[in-house]
Amino acid sequence: MARLDFGAEIVESITSLAEKLGVEAGVFSAIGALQKAELGYYEQDTHRYKTIKIEGPVELVSCQGNISIRDGRVFVHAHAALADPVGSLRGGHLHNGTIFAAELCIQELKGEPFIRTHDPITDLYLWSETD
């Protein structure tokens, strides 16, 4: 469990902490508030992310994801639900966000880490198939 630093970038902070702790396979959740954020929505027909920029403060209602390996390094895959001042929600793939306050819980998974490789059908980096 950790408190993430004010003004830091959230995905980088989670990645850095996972690397520091030696976590190569895990799941995490976070709550708190962001000063601004960028979400993504993956357009399945074009294989591109549509960017959703949120320039004002939001509550980090829920942020969850997993930790695995991509290109030989720790990779954090995060999704988030963000609430504006009137409680309207926006959600999607969390590209980045500037932390106002955030509390994080990482649970390490034992065993071999999942490795992400390029999937030609979706054009995403997905976990390699296992036997």
N, C-alpha and C. Protein backbone atom coordinates (compact mmCIF):
# COMPACT_ATOMS: atom_id res chain seq x y z
N MET A 1 0.85 -1.17 0.00
CA MET A 1 0.00 0.00 0.00
C MET A 1 0.90 1.23 0.00
N ALA A 2 0.44 2.28 -0.69
CA ALA A 2 1.25 3.48 -0.78
C ALA A 2 0.38 4.70 -1.02
N ARG A 3 0.90 5.83 -0.58
CA ARG A 3 0.32 7.12 -0.93
C ARG A 3 1.17 7.67 -2.06
N LEU A 4 0.52 8.05 -3.17
CA LEU A 4 1.27 8.59 -4.32
C LEU A 4 1.43 10.09 -4.17
N ASP A 5 2.50 10.62 -4.71
CA ASP A 5 2.90 12.01 -4.49
C ASP A 5 2.04 13.01 -5.27
N PHE A 6 1.71 14.11 -4.58
CA PHE A 6 1.02 15.25 -5.19
C PHE A 6 1.81 15.73 -6.40
N GLY A 7 1.11 15.96 -7.51
CA GLY A 7 1.73 16.52 -8.70
C GLY A 7 2.43 15.51 -9.59
N ALA A 8 2.58 14.28 -9.13
CA ALA A 8 3.25 13.25 -9.94
C ALA A 8 2.26 12.69 -10.97
N GLU A 9 2.81 12.03 -11.97
CA GLU A 9 1.98 11.38 -12.98
C GLU A 9 1.62 9.99 -12.47
N ILE A 10 0.34 9.62 -12.50
CA ILE A 10 -0.13 8.43 -11.82
C ILE A 10 0.37 7.12 -12.43
N VAL A 11 0.32 6.97 -13.73
CA VAL A 11 0.75 5.70 -14.35
C VAL A 11 2.25 5.51 -14.15
N GLU A 12 3.02 6.58 -14.31
CA GLU A 12 4.46 6.50 -14.06
C GLU A 12 4.75 6.16 -12.60
N SER A 13 3.96 6.71 -11.68
CA SER A 13 4.15 6.45 -10.26
C SER A 13 3.89 4.98 -9.92
N ILE A 14 2.83 4.42 -10.49
CA ILE A 14 2.53 3.01 -10.24
C ILE A 14 3.62 2.14 -10.84
N THR A 15 4.06 2.46 -12.04
CA THR A 15 5.12 1.70 -12.70
C THR A 15 6.41 1.76 -11.88
N SER A 16 6.78 2.94 -11.44
CA SER A 16 8.00 3.13 -10.66
C SER A 16 7.96 2.34 -9.36
N LEU A 17 6.82 2.37 -8.69
CA LEU A 17 6.69 1.63 -7.43
C LEU A 17 6.77 0.12 -7.68
N ALA A 18 6.11 -0.36 -8.72
CA ALA A 18 6.18 -1.79 -9.05
C ALA A 18 7.62 -2.21 -9.34
N GLU A 19 8.35 -1.39 -10.10
CA GLU A 19 9.75 -1.69 -10.39
C GLU A 19 10.57 -1.71 -9.11
N LYS A 20 10.37 -0.71 -8.25
CA LYS A 20 11.12 -0.61 -6.99
C LYS A 20 10.87 -1.83 -6.11
N LEU A 21 9.64 -2.33 -6.10
CA LEU A 21 9.27 -3.47 -5.28
C LEU A 21 9.58 -4.81 -5.96
N GLY A 22 9.97 -4.76 -7.24
CA GLY A 22 10.27 -5.99 -7.96
C GLY A 22 9.03 -6.75 -8.38
N VAL A 23 7.90 -6.07 -8.52
CA VAL A 23 6.65 -6.71 -8.92
C VAL A 23 6.59 -6.78 -10.44
N GLU A 24 6.60 -7.99 -10.98
CA GLU A 24 6.49 -8.20 -12.42
C GLU A 24 5.14 -8.78 -12.82
N ALA A 25 4.38 -9.22 -11.84
CA ALA A 25 3.03 -9.74 -12.07
C ALA A 25 2.18 -9.31 -10.89
N GLY A 26 1.08 -8.63 -11.17
CA GLY A 26 0.25 -8.17 -10.07
C GLY A 26 -1.00 -7.49 -10.54
N VAL A 27 -1.81 -7.13 -9.56
CA VAL A 27 -3.01 -6.34 -9.79
C VAL A 27 -2.96 -5.16 -8.83
N PHE A 28 -3.67 -4.10 -9.16
CA PHE A 28 -3.67 -2.93 -8.29
C PHE A 28 -5.01 -2.22 -8.35
N SER A 29 -5.25 -1.41 -7.33
CA SER A 29 -6.39 -0.52 -7.32
C SER A 29 -5.95 0.78 -6.66
N ALA A 30 -6.60 1.87 -7.06
CA ALA A 30 -6.28 3.18 -6.50
C ALA A 30 -7.56 4.01 -6.41
N ILE A 31 -7.59 4.90 -5.42
CA ILE A 31 -8.65 5.88 -5.29
C ILE A 31 -8.01 7.21 -4.92
N GLY A 32 -8.75 8.29 -5.12
CA GLY A 32 -8.22 9.60 -4.77
C GLY A 32 -8.79 10.68 -5.65
N ALA A 33 -7.92 11.57 -6.10
CA ALA A 33 -8.33 12.69 -6.95
C ALA A 33 -7.17 13.06 -7.88
N LEU A 34 -7.55 13.49 -9.08
CA LEU A 34 -6.56 13.93 -10.07
C LEU A 34 -6.82 15.39 -10.43
N GLN A 35 -5.75 16.11 -10.72
CA GLN A 35 -5.88 17.50 -11.14
C GLN A 35 -6.32 17.60 -12.59
N LYS A 36 -5.89 16.63 -13.39
CA LYS A 36 -6.30 16.50 -14.78
C LYS A 36 -5.94 15.09 -15.21
N ALA A 37 -6.51 14.66 -16.34
CA ALA A 37 -6.28 13.28 -16.78
C ALA A 37 -6.49 13.15 -18.28
N GLU A 38 -5.99 12.04 -18.78
CA GLU A 38 -6.23 11.68 -20.18
C GLU A 38 -6.63 10.21 -20.23
N LEU A 39 -7.84 9.99 -20.72
CA LEU A 39 -8.36 8.64 -20.89
C LEU A 39 -8.30 8.27 -22.36
N GLY A 40 -8.46 7.00 -22.63
CA GLY A 40 -8.51 6.55 -24.01
C GLY A 40 -9.63 5.56 -24.22
N TYR A 41 -10.16 5.58 -25.42
CA TYR A 41 -11.16 4.62 -25.86
C TYR A 41 -10.61 3.99 -27.13
N TYR A 42 -10.45 2.66 -27.14
CA TYR A 42 -9.85 1.98 -28.28
C TYR A 42 -10.91 1.73 -29.35
N GLU A 43 -10.72 2.37 -30.49
CA GLU A 43 -11.64 2.18 -31.62
C GLU A 43 -11.26 0.88 -32.32
N GLN A 44 -12.11 -0.11 -32.20
CA GLN A 44 -11.79 -1.45 -32.68
C GLN A 44 -11.66 -1.53 -34.20
N ASP A 45 -12.40 -0.70 -34.92
CA ASP A 45 -12.32 -0.76 -36.38
C ASP A 45 -11.06 -0.11 -36.94
N THR A 46 -10.57 0.96 -36.30
CA THR A 46 -9.38 1.65 -36.79
C THR A 46 -8.10 1.24 -36.05
N HIS A 47 -8.25 0.53 -34.94
CA HIS A 47 -7.12 0.12 -34.09
C HIS A 47 -6.34 1.32 -33.56
N ARG A 48 -7.07 2.35 -33.17
CA ARG A 48 -6.45 3.55 -32.61
C ARG A 48 -7.22 4.00 -31.37
N TYR A 49 -6.48 4.61 -30.46
CA TYR A 49 -7.11 5.16 -29.27
C TYR A 49 -7.68 6.55 -29.57
N LYS A 50 -8.91 6.75 -29.16
CA LYS A 50 -9.51 8.08 -29.16
C LYS A 50 -9.16 8.68 -27.80
N THR A 51 -8.58 9.87 -27.79
CA THR A 51 -8.15 10.51 -26.56
C THR A 51 -9.29 11.34 -25.97
N ILE A 52 -9.46 11.20 -24.66
CA ILE A 52 -10.45 11.97 -23.92
C ILE A 52 -9.67 12.77 -22.88
N LYS A 53 -9.49 14.07 -23.12
CA LYS A 53 -8.73 14.92 -22.19
C LYS A 53 -9.68 15.56 -21.19
N ILE A 54 -9.29 15.50 -19.94
CA ILE A 54 -10.06 16.11 -18.87
C ILE A 54 -9.13 17.13 -18.20
N GLU A 55 -9.43 18.40 -18.39
CA GLU A 55 -8.52 19.46 -17.96
C GLU A 55 -8.74 19.92 -16.53
N GLY A 56 -9.87 19.58 -15.92
CA GLY A 56 -10.14 20.05 -14.56
C GLY A 56 -10.03 18.94 -13.54
N PRO A 57 -10.18 19.29 -12.27
CA PRO A 57 -10.07 18.29 -11.21
C PRO A 57 -11.21 17.29 -11.25
N VAL A 58 -10.87 16.05 -10.92
CA VAL A 58 -11.84 14.96 -10.88
C VAL A 58 -11.53 14.03 -9.71
N GLU A 59 -12.57 13.37 -9.21
CA GLU A 59 -12.39 12.31 -8.23
C GLU A 59 -11.99 11.04 -8.97
N LEU A 60 -11.01 10.36 -8.44
CA LEU A 60 -10.61 9.06 -8.97
C LEU A 60 -11.48 8.03 -8.25
N VAL A 61 -12.67 7.82 -8.81
CA VAL A 61 -13.67 6.94 -8.20
C VAL A 61 -13.15 5.52 -8.12
N SER A 62 -12.51 5.09 -9.19
CA SER A 62 -11.94 3.75 -9.24
C SER A 62 -10.85 3.73 -10.29
N CYS A 63 -9.76 3.10 -9.94
CA CYS A 63 -8.69 2.84 -10.90
C CYS A 63 -8.20 1.44 -10.61
N GLN A 64 -8.24 0.61 -11.60
CA GLN A 64 -7.75 -0.75 -11.41
C GLN A 64 -6.99 -1.19 -12.63
N GLY A 65 -6.14 -2.19 -12.42
CA GLY A 65 -5.38 -2.67 -13.55
C GLY A 65 -4.47 -3.82 -13.17
N ASN A 66 -3.55 -4.08 -14.09
CA ASN A 66 -2.63 -5.19 -13.86
C ASN A 66 -1.21 -4.77 -14.22
N ILE A 67 -0.29 -5.58 -13.73
CA ILE A 67 1.13 -5.36 -13.96
C ILE A 67 1.67 -6.61 -14.62
N SER A 68 2.35 -6.42 -15.74
CA SER A 68 2.97 -7.54 -16.46
C SER A 68 4.25 -7.02 -17.11
N ILE A 69 4.75 -7.74 -18.08
CA ILE A 69 6.00 -7.38 -18.75
C ILE A 69 5.72 -7.11 -20.23
N ARG A 70 6.26 -6.01 -20.73
CA ARG A 70 6.20 -5.70 -22.16
C ARG A 70 7.57 -5.18 -22.57
N ASP A 71 8.10 -5.73 -23.64
CA ASP A 71 9.42 -5.33 -24.15
C ASP A 71 10.49 -5.41 -23.07
N GLY A 72 10.39 -6.42 -22.19
CA GLY A 72 11.39 -6.65 -21.17
C GLY A 72 11.29 -5.75 -19.94
N ARG A 73 10.26 -4.92 -19.86
CA ARG A 73 10.11 -3.98 -18.74
C ARG A 73 8.74 -4.13 -18.09
N VAL A 74 8.65 -3.66 -16.85
CA VAL A 74 7.37 -3.65 -16.16
C VAL A 74 6.40 -2.75 -16.92
N PHE A 75 5.17 -3.26 -17.11
CA PHE A 75 4.15 -2.51 -17.85
C PHE A 75 2.87 -2.47 -17.01
N VAL A 76 2.34 -1.28 -16.83
CA VAL A 76 1.11 -1.07 -16.08
C VAL A 76 -0.03 -0.80 -17.06
N HIS A 77 -1.09 -1.59 -16.95
CA HIS A 77 -2.31 -1.41 -17.75
C HIS A 77 -3.41 -0.98 -16.80
N ALA A 78 -3.91 0.25 -16.97
CA ALA A 78 -4.86 0.82 -16.02
C ALA A 78 -6.12 1.33 -16.71
N HIS A 79 -7.25 1.11 -16.04
CA HIS A 79 -8.53 1.71 -16.45
C HIS A 79 -9.03 2.52 -15.26
N ALA A 80 -9.81 3.57 -15.54
CA ALA A 80 -10.27 4.44 -14.47
C ALA A 80 -11.68 4.96 -14.72
N ALA A 81 -12.37 5.21 -13.62
CA ALA A 81 -13.65 5.92 -13.63
C ALA A 81 -13.41 7.23 -12.88
N LEU A 82 -13.72 8.35 -13.52
CA LEU A 82 -13.46 9.67 -12.97
C LEU A 82 -14.77 10.44 -12.86
N ALA A 83 -14.98 11.13 -11.73
CA ALA A 83 -16.20 11.90 -11.52
C ALA A 83 -15.90 13.39 -11.49
N ASP A 84 -16.73 14.15 -12.22
CA ASP A 84 -16.58 15.61 -12.21
C ASP A 84 -17.34 16.20 -11.01
N PRO A 85 -17.32 17.54 -10.86
CA PRO A 85 -17.93 18.16 -9.67
C PRO A 85 -19.43 17.89 -9.48
N VAL A 86 -20.15 17.49 -10.53
CA VAL A 86 -21.58 17.19 -10.37
C VAL A 86 -21.84 15.69 -10.35
N GLY A 87 -20.76 14.90 -10.30
CA GLY A 87 -20.91 13.46 -10.17
C GLY A 87 -21.04 12.69 -11.47
N SER A 88 -20.91 13.38 -12.59
CA SER A 88 -20.95 12.68 -13.87
C SER A 88 -19.66 11.90 -14.05
N LEU A 89 -19.78 10.69 -14.56
CA LEU A 89 -18.62 9.81 -14.72
C LEU A 89 -18.11 9.77 -16.14
N ARG A 90 -16.79 9.65 -16.25
CA ARG A 90 -16.13 9.35 -17.51
C ARG A 90 -15.16 8.22 -17.21
N GLY A 91 -14.99 7.35 -18.15
CA GLY A 91 -14.10 6.23 -17.88
C GLY A 91 -13.43 5.73 -19.13
N GLY A 92 -12.42 4.91 -18.94
CA GLY A 92 -11.71 4.31 -20.04
C GLY A 92 -10.30 3.92 -19.64
N HIS A 93 -9.50 3.65 -20.64
CA HIS A 93 -8.08 3.33 -20.43
C HIS A 93 -7.39 4.58 -19.89
N LEU A 94 -6.67 4.46 -18.78
CA LEU A 94 -5.99 5.61 -18.19
C LEU A 94 -4.62 5.77 -18.82
N HIS A 95 -4.48 6.78 -19.69
CA HIS A 95 -3.18 7.07 -20.30
C HIS A 95 -2.28 7.80 -19.31
N ASN A 96 -2.83 8.83 -18.65
CA ASN A 96 -2.05 9.57 -17.66
C ASN A 96 -2.96 10.45 -16.82
N GLY A 97 -2.42 10.96 -15.75
CA GLY A 97 -3.16 11.86 -14.89
C GLY A 97 -2.22 12.48 -13.86
N THR A 98 -2.49 13.71 -13.50
CA THR A 98 -1.69 14.41 -12.51
C THR A 98 -2.36 14.25 -11.15
N ILE A 99 -1.62 13.70 -10.21
CA ILE A 99 -2.17 13.36 -8.90
C ILE A 99 -2.41 14.59 -8.04
N PHE A 100 -3.61 14.65 -7.45
CA PHE A 100 -3.88 15.57 -6.35
C PHE A 100 -3.67 14.80 -5.05
N ALA A 101 -4.34 13.67 -4.93
CA ALA A 101 -4.15 12.76 -3.80
C ALA A 101 -4.53 11.37 -4.29
N ALA A 102 -3.74 10.37 -3.96
CA ALA A 102 -4.06 9.02 -4.42
C ALA A 102 -3.47 7.99 -3.47
N GLU A 103 -4.29 6.98 -3.19
CA GLU A 103 -3.87 5.85 -2.39
C GLU A 103 -3.91 4.61 -3.27
N LEU A 104 -2.85 3.81 -3.18
CA LEU A 104 -2.66 2.69 -4.09
C LEU A 104 -2.45 1.40 -3.29
N CYS A 105 -3.03 0.33 -3.78
CA CYS A 105 -2.79 -0.99 -3.21
C CYS A 105 -2.36 -1.91 -4.36
N ILE A 106 -1.16 -2.48 -4.24
CA ILE A 106 -0.66 -3.45 -5.22
C ILE A 106 -0.64 -4.82 -4.57
N GLN A 107 -1.14 -5.80 -5.30
CA GLN A 107 -1.06 -7.18 -4.85
C GLN A 107 -0.21 -7.94 -5.86
N GLU A 108 0.94 -8.43 -5.39
CA GLU A 108 1.82 -9.20 -6.26
C GLU A 108 1.24 -10.59 -6.48
N LEU A 109 1.35 -11.07 -7.70
CA LEU A 109 0.93 -12.43 -8.04
C LEU A 109 2.18 -13.28 -8.18
N LYS A 110 2.20 -14.41 -7.53
CA LYS A 110 3.36 -15.30 -7.57
C LYS A 110 3.35 -16.12 -8.86
N GLY A 111 4.52 -16.60 -9.25
CA GLY A 111 4.65 -17.39 -10.47
C GLY A 111 5.30 -16.56 -11.56
N GLU A 112 5.36 -17.13 -12.73
CA GLU A 112 5.96 -16.44 -13.87
C GLU A 112 5.10 -15.26 -14.30
N PRO A 113 5.72 -14.12 -14.61
CA PRO A 113 4.93 -12.97 -15.06
C PRO A 113 4.34 -13.21 -16.45
N PHE A 114 3.21 -12.58 -16.69
CA PHE A 114 2.63 -12.61 -18.03
C PHE A 114 3.44 -11.67 -18.91
N ILE A 115 3.68 -12.09 -20.14
CA ILE A 115 4.45 -11.30 -21.10
C ILE A 115 3.49 -10.78 -22.17
N ARG A 116 3.56 -9.48 -22.44
CA ARG A 116 2.72 -8.88 -23.48
C ARG A 116 3.46 -8.92 -24.82
N THR A 117 2.76 -9.39 -25.83
CA THR A 117 3.29 -9.40 -27.19
C THR A 117 2.24 -8.84 -28.14
N HIS A 118 2.70 -8.40 -29.28
CA HIS A 118 1.78 -7.81 -30.26
C HIS A 118 0.83 -8.86 -30.81
N ASP A 119 -0.45 -8.52 -30.79
CA ASP A 119 -1.49 -9.37 -31.36
C ASP A 119 -1.92 -8.76 -32.69
N PRO A 120 -1.66 -9.44 -33.82
CA PRO A 120 -1.97 -8.86 -35.12
C PRO A 120 -3.46 -8.67 -35.39
N ILE A 121 -4.31 -9.41 -34.72
CA ILE A 121 -5.76 -9.28 -34.96
C ILE A 121 -6.29 -7.98 -34.37
N THR A 122 -5.90 -7.68 -33.13
CA THR A 122 -6.41 -6.47 -32.45
C THR A 122 -5.47 -5.28 -32.57
N ASP A 123 -4.21 -5.54 -32.92
CA ASP A 123 -3.13 -4.55 -32.97
C ASP A 123 -2.81 -4.02 -31.57
N LEU A 124 -3.11 -4.81 -30.54
CA LEU A 124 -2.79 -4.48 -29.16
C LEU A 124 -1.67 -5.38 -28.67
N TYR A 125 -1.04 -4.99 -27.56
CA TYR A 125 -0.06 -5.85 -26.90
C TYR A 125 -0.80 -6.58 -25.79
N LEU A 126 -1.07 -7.85 -26.01
CA LEU A 126 -1.84 -8.67 -25.10
C LEU A 126 -0.95 -9.73 -24.47
N TRP A 127 -1.44 -10.33 -23.38
CA TRP A 127 -0.70 -11.40 -22.76
C TRP A 127 -0.51 -12.54 -23.75
N SER A 128 0.67 -13.10 -23.77
CA SER A 128 0.96 -14.25 -24.63
C SER A 128 0.08 -15.41 -24.20
N GLU A 129 -0.27 -16.22 -25.16
CA GLU A 129 -1.06 -17.41 -24.86
C GLU A 129 -0.24 -18.37 -24.04
N THR A 130 -0.91 -19.05 -23.13
CA THR A 130 -0.22 -20.04 -22.30
C THR A 130 -0.71 -21.43 -22.68
N ASP A 131 0.13 -22.42 -22.40
CA ASP A 131 -0.24 -23.81 -22.70
C ASP A 131 -1.21 -24.35 -21.68
